[in-house]
Amino acid sequence: MHRQEYVHRLIEAYRKTPGTTGLAHRQERRFAEQLYEQQIPLSIVENALLLASARRLLRPDGAPPLETIRSLYYFRSVIDEVMQSTMSDDYFLYLRKKLAAIHKTQSGQ
């Protein structure tokens, strides 16, 4: 995958991640380029976005609300965690389904 496509796809994934502002600024693009240069697979970054989002959304009832994520860099430690982990693809598939169900419930579908 070429740099431009990698950055574009990563930024789009970030913008669609629940809990973010949905905006991407120059600093997000620079960080995405750094991840490309470090040869971090896009799937790792997407799984990190998913994992962090799940952790934020699947909190106990009554937990105080969390601040909106304003930077892609927020996910740096989770990207590192996913790179070092032995979590299976099945686990990330489970998280995707779980978050889709939450989204469906919240949107009243």
C-alpha atoms as a PDB file:
ATOM      1  CA  MET A   1       0.000   0.000   0.000  1.00  0.00           C
ATOM      2  CA  HIS A   2       1.320   3.421  -0.897  1.00  0.00           C
ATOM      3  CA  ARG A   3       1.832   6.125   1.706  1.00  0.00           C
ATOM      4  CA  GLN A   4      -1.065   8.297   0.511  1.00  0.00           C
ATOM      5  CA  GLU A   5      -3.574   5.424   0.626  1.00  0.00           C
ATOM      6  CA  TYR A   6      -2.324   4.272   4.048  1.00  0.00           C
ATOM      7  CA  VAL A   7      -2.645   7.766   5.508  1.00  0.00           C
ATOM      8  CA  HIS A   8      -6.068   8.297   3.927  1.00  0.00           C
ATOM      9  CA  ARG A   9      -7.449   4.985   5.204  1.00  0.00           C
ATOM     10  CA  LEU A  10      -5.998   5.482   8.679  1.00  0.00           C
ATOM     11  CA  ILE A  11      -7.421   9.003   8.945  1.00  0.00           C
ATOM     12  CA  GLU A  12     -10.841   7.790   7.803  1.00  0.00           C
ATOM     13  CA  ALA A  13     -10.760   4.991  10.387  1.00  0.00           C
ATOM     14  CA  TYR A  14      -9.790   7.500  13.081  1.00  0.00           C
ATOM     15  CA  ARG A  15     -12.546   9.932  12.059  1.00  0.00           C
ATOM     16  CA  LYS A  16     -15.157   7.150  12.291  1.00  0.00           C
ATOM     17  CA  THR A  17     -13.941   5.868  15.654  1.00  0.00           C
ATOM     18  CA  PRO A  18     -16.531   6.426  18.399  1.00  0.00           C
ATOM     19  CA  GLY A  19     -15.389   8.879  21.027  1.00  0.00           C
ATOM     20  CA  THR A  20     -13.321  11.034  18.672  1.00  0.00           C
ATOM     21  CA  THR A  21     -14.212  14.478  17.399  1.00  0.00           C
ATOM     22  CA  GLY A  22     -14.517  13.087  13.870  1.00  0.00           C
ATOM     23  CA  LEU A  23     -11.983  15.669  12.732  1.00  0.00           C
ATOM     24  CA  ALA A  24      -8.448  15.153  11.531  1.00  0.00           C
ATOM     25  CA  HIS A  25      -5.903  17.925  11.539  1.00  0.00           C
ATOM     26  CA  ARG A  26      -2.378  18.241  10.256  1.00  0.00           C
ATOM     27  CA  GLN A  27      -0.975  16.589  13.387  1.00  0.00           C
ATOM     28  CA  GLU A  28      -3.066  13.460  12.737  1.00  0.00           C
ATOM     29  CA  ARG A  29      -1.756  13.261   9.191  1.00  0.00           C
ATOM     30  CA  ARG A  30       1.818  13.655  10.410  1.00  0.00           C
ATOM     31  CA  PHE A  31       1.338  10.904  12.974  1.00  0.00           C
ATOM     32  CA  ALA A  32      -0.246   8.640  10.338  1.00  0.00           C
ATOM     33  CA  GLU A  33       2.781   9.255   8.107  1.00  0.00           C
ATOM     34  CA  GLN A  34       5.082   8.337  10.998  1.00  0.00           C
ATOM     35  CA  LEU A  35       3.193   5.078  11.486  1.00  0.00           C
ATOM     36  CA  TYR A  36       3.589   4.363   7.774  1.00  0.00           C
ATOM     37  CA  GLU A  37       7.322   5.082   7.971  1.00  0.00           C
ATOM     38  CA  GLN A  38       7.575   2.743  10.976  1.00  0.00           C
ATOM     39  CA  GLN A  39       5.879   0.093   8.816  1.00  0.00           C
ATOM     40  CA  ILE A  40       3.058  -0.424  11.310  1.00  0.00           C
ATOM     41  CA  PRO A  41       0.418  -2.464   9.464  1.00  0.00           C
ATOM     42  CA  LEU A  42      -2.865  -0.641   8.990  1.00  0.00           C
ATOM     43  CA  SER A  43      -4.676  -3.630  10.504  1.00  0.00           C
ATOM     44  CA  ILE A  44      -2.723  -3.118  13.752  1.00  0.00           C
ATOM     45  CA  VAL A  45      -3.765   0.525  13.925  1.00  0.00           C
ATOM     46  CA  GLU A  46      -7.393  -0.303  13.086  1.00  0.00           C
ATOM     47  CA  ASN A  47      -7.434  -2.969  15.798  1.00  0.00           C
ATOM     48  CA  ALA A  48      -5.963  -0.488  18.276  1.00  0.00           C
ATOM     49  CA  LEU A  49      -8.690   2.037  17.439  1.00  0.00           C
ATOM     50  CA  LEU A  50     -11.264  -0.705  17.936  1.00  0.00           C
ATOM     51  CA  LEU A  51      -9.790  -1.902  21.235  1.00  0.00           C
ATOM     52  CA  ALA A  52      -9.527   1.582  22.724  1.00  0.00           C
ATOM     53  CA  SER A  53     -13.033   2.423  21.570  1.00  0.00           C
ATOM     54  CA  ALA A  54     -14.413  -0.776  23.091  1.00  0.00           C
ATOM     55  CA  ARG A  55     -12.703  -0.053  26.391  1.00  0.00           C
ATOM     56  CA  ARG A  56     -14.246   3.388  26.463  1.00  0.00           C
ATOM     57  CA  LEU A  57     -17.748   2.267  25.467  1.00  0.00           C
ATOM     58  CA  LEU A  58     -17.998  -0.940  27.485  1.00  0.00           C
ATOM     59  CA  ARG A  59     -17.709   0.693  30.882  1.00  0.00           C
ATOM     60  CA  PRO A  60     -19.855   0.041  33.925  1.00  0.00           C
ATOM     61  CA  ASP A  61     -23.252   1.709  34.086  1.00  0.00           C
ATOM     62  CA  GLY A  62     -23.027   4.965  35.970  1.00  0.00           C
ATOM     63  CA  ALA A  63     -19.348   5.516  35.188  1.00  0.00           C
ATOM     64  CA  PRO A  64     -18.604   9.182  34.587  1.00  0.00           C
ATOM     65  CA  PRO A  65     -18.449  10.236  30.930  1.00  0.00           C
ATOM     66  CA  LEU A  66     -15.050  10.401  29.282  1.00  0.00           C
ATOM     67  CA  GLU A  67     -13.633  13.375  27.435  1.00  0.00           C
ATOM     68  CA  THR A  68     -13.740  13.362  23.645  1.00  0.00           C
ATOM     69  CA  ILE A  69     -10.573  12.098  21.969  1.00  0.00           C
ATOM     70  CA  ARG A  70      -9.026  15.007  20.122  1.00  0.00           C
ATOM     71  CA  SER A  71      -5.908  13.432  18.646  1.00  0.00           C
ATOM     72  CA  LEU A  72      -4.899  10.267  16.849  1.00  0.00           C
ATOM     73  CA  TYR A  73      -1.841  10.240  19.097  1.00  0.00           C
ATOM     74  CA  TYR A  74      -4.160   9.246  21.971  1.00  0.00           C
ATOM     75  CA  PHE A  75      -4.031   5.730  20.512  1.00  0.00           C
ATOM     76  CA  ARG A  76      -0.212   5.418  20.502  1.00  0.00           C
ATOM     77  CA  SER A  77      -0.002   3.248  23.618  1.00  0.00           C
ATOM     78  CA  VAL A  78      -2.823   0.999  22.416  1.00  0.00           C
ATOM     79  CA  ILE A  79      -1.097   0.606  19.038  1.00  0.00           C
ATOM     80  CA  ASP A  80       2.031  -0.506  20.905  1.00  0.00           C
ATOM     81  CA  GLU A  81      -0.063  -2.853  23.035  1.00  0.00           C
ATOM     82  CA  VAL A  82      -1.710  -4.476  20.011  1.00  0.00           C
ATOM     83  CA  MET A  83       1.676  -4.873  18.322  1.00  0.00           C
ATOM     84  CA  GLN A  84       2.990  -6.755  21.354  1.00  0.00           C
ATOM     85  CA  SER A  85      -0.139  -8.766  22.051  1.00  0.00           C
ATOM     86  CA  THR A  86      -1.240 -12.240  21.130  1.00  0.00           C
ATOM     87  CA  MET A  87      -4.903 -11.266  20.765  1.00  0.00           C
ATOM     88  CA  SER A  88      -6.502 -13.262  17.996  1.00  0.00           C
ATOM     89  CA  ASP A  89      -8.348 -11.891  14.994  1.00  0.00           C
ATOM     90  CA  ASP A  90     -11.434 -13.593  16.432  1.00  0.00           C
ATOM     91  CA  TYR A  91     -11.253 -11.309  19.469  1.00  0.00           C
ATOM     92  CA  PHE A  92     -11.258  -8.212  17.260  1.00  0.00           C
ATOM     93  CA  LEU A  93     -14.146  -9.644  15.256  1.00  0.00           C
ATOM     94  CA  TYR A  94     -16.026 -10.135  18.544  1.00  0.00           C
ATOM     95  CA  LEU A  95     -15.335  -6.497  19.500  1.00  0.00           C
ATOM     96  CA  ARG A  96     -16.550  -5.274  16.118  1.00  0.00           C
ATOM     97  CA  LYS A  97     -19.811  -7.186  16.534  1.00  0.00           C
ATOM     98  CA  LYS A  98     -20.217  -5.974  20.117  1.00  0.00           C
ATOM     99  CA  LEU A  99     -19.728  -2.332  19.148  1.00  0.00           C
ATOM    100  CA  ALA A 100     -22.051  -2.701  16.145  1.00  0.00           C
ATOM    101  CA  ALA A 101     -24.737  -4.026  18.487  1.00  0.00           C
ATOM    102  CA  ILE A 102     -24.228  -1.078  20.836  1.00  0.00           C
ATOM    103  CA  HIS A 103     -24.421   1.349  17.935  1.00  0.00           C
ATOM    104  CA  LYS A 104     -27.600  -0.324  16.674  1.00  0.00           C
ATOM    105  CA  THR A 105     -29.185  -0.090  20.140  1.00  0.00           C
ATOM    106  CA  GLN A 106     -28.185   3.541  20.584  1.00  0.00           C
ATOM    107  CA  SER A 107     -29.477   4.553  17.172  1.00  0.00           C
ATOM    108  CA  GLY A 108     -32.813   2.835  17.831  1.00  0.00           C
ATOM    109  CA  GLN A 109     -32.614   0.365  14.967  1.00  0.00           C
END
